[in-house]
Protein backbone atom coordinates (compact mmCIF):
# COMPACT_ATOMS: atom_id res chain seq x y z
CA MET A 1 -149.62 -42.24 72.82
CA PRO A 2 -147.59 -41.37 75.92
CA CYS A 3 -146.36 -37.85 76.56
CA VAL A 4 -143.41 -38.92 78.70
CA SER A 5 -140.91 -41.64 77.76
CA ALA A 6 -139.56 -44.25 80.17
CA ASP A 7 -136.50 -42.08 80.84
CA GLY A 8 -138.70 -39.15 81.97
CA LYS A 9 -138.27 -37.02 78.85
CA PRO A 10 -141.21 -35.63 76.88
CA THR A 11 -142.15 -37.49 73.69
CA SER A 12 -143.13 -35.66 70.49
CA SER A 13 -146.75 -35.39 71.65
CA GLY A 14 -145.55 -34.24 75.07
CA MET A 15 -143.39 -31.59 73.43
CA ALA A 16 -146.40 -30.38 71.43
CA VAL A 17 -148.37 -29.96 74.67
CA LEU A 18 -145.47 -28.17 76.39
CA LYS A 19 -145.02 -25.80 73.44
CA ALA A 20 -148.76 -25.04 73.39
CA ILE A 21 -148.57 -24.14 77.08
CA LYS A 22 -145.52 -21.95 76.44
CA ASP A 23 -147.45 -20.21 73.66
CA GLY A 24 -150.22 -19.27 76.10
CA ALA A 25 -152.64 -22.21 76.14
CA ALA A 26 -153.72 -22.47 79.78
CA SER A 27 -156.52 -25.04 79.74
CA PRO A 28 -156.82 -28.58 78.37
CA GLU A 29 -159.38 -27.33 75.84
CA GLN A 30 -157.02 -24.62 74.57
CA ILE A 31 -154.14 -27.10 74.37
CA ALA A 32 -156.29 -29.57 72.42
CA SER A 33 -157.30 -26.83 70.00
CA LYS A 34 -153.72 -25.63 69.53
CA THR A 35 -152.18 -29.10 69.10
CA GLY A 36 -154.99 -30.84 67.24
CA GLN A 37 -154.90 -33.67 69.79
CA PRO A 38 -158.17 -35.05 71.19
CA LEU A 39 -159.13 -33.59 74.57
CA PHE A 40 -159.00 -36.99 76.32
CA ARG A 41 -155.41 -37.44 75.12
CA VAL A 42 -154.42 -33.95 76.27
CA ARG A 43 -155.88 -34.59 79.72
CA SER A 44 -154.07 -37.91 80.14
CA GLY A 45 -150.89 -36.35 78.77
CA LEU A 46 -151.13 -33.51 81.28
CA ARG A 47 -151.35 -36.05 84.10
CA GLU A 48 -148.19 -37.73 82.81
CA LEU A 49 -146.39 -34.41 82.39
CA LYS A 50 -147.45 -33.30 85.87
CA ASN A 51 -146.23 -36.58 87.41
CA ALA A 52 -142.90 -36.08 85.61
CA GLY A 53 -142.63 -32.55 87.07
CA LEU A 54 -142.87 -30.81 83.68
CA VAL A 55 -146.14 -28.91 84.24
CA GLU A 56 -147.92 -27.39 87.21
CA GLU A 57 -151.66 -27.01 87.70
CA THR A 58 -153.31 -24.14 89.54
CA GLY A 59 -157.03 -24.72 89.68
CA ASP A 60 -158.06 -25.31 86.08
CA LYS A 61 -155.01 -23.54 84.62
CA VAL A 62 -151.85 -25.28 83.44
CA GLY A 63 -148.34 -23.82 83.34
CA LEU A 64 -144.80 -24.96 82.74
CA SER A 65 -142.60 -25.84 85.69
CA LYS A 66 -138.94 -24.83 85.61
CA THR A 67 -138.14 -28.37 84.45
CA GLY A 68 -140.74 -28.06 81.68
CA GLU A 69 -139.28 -24.74 80.55
CA THR A 70 -135.84 -26.33 80.36
CA ALA A 71 -137.16 -29.35 78.44
CA ILE A 72 -138.45 -27.27 75.53
CA GLN A 73 -135.37 -25.12 75.06
């Protein structure tokens, strides 16, 4: 299930990942736990969200970009 639609907007699963990050989940494992999505799906979703400019990675931590913050408002 993709996290970003063809028009570059987050899908429902992408929104769940973004909201988990906003709520303090900073690692793929924490996001998977918070969203109930399998870890492999969270990791692939994070790659999609990063490529779309919605999240930023610093080492093994994940955060929202300004675009990601706007997308979930």
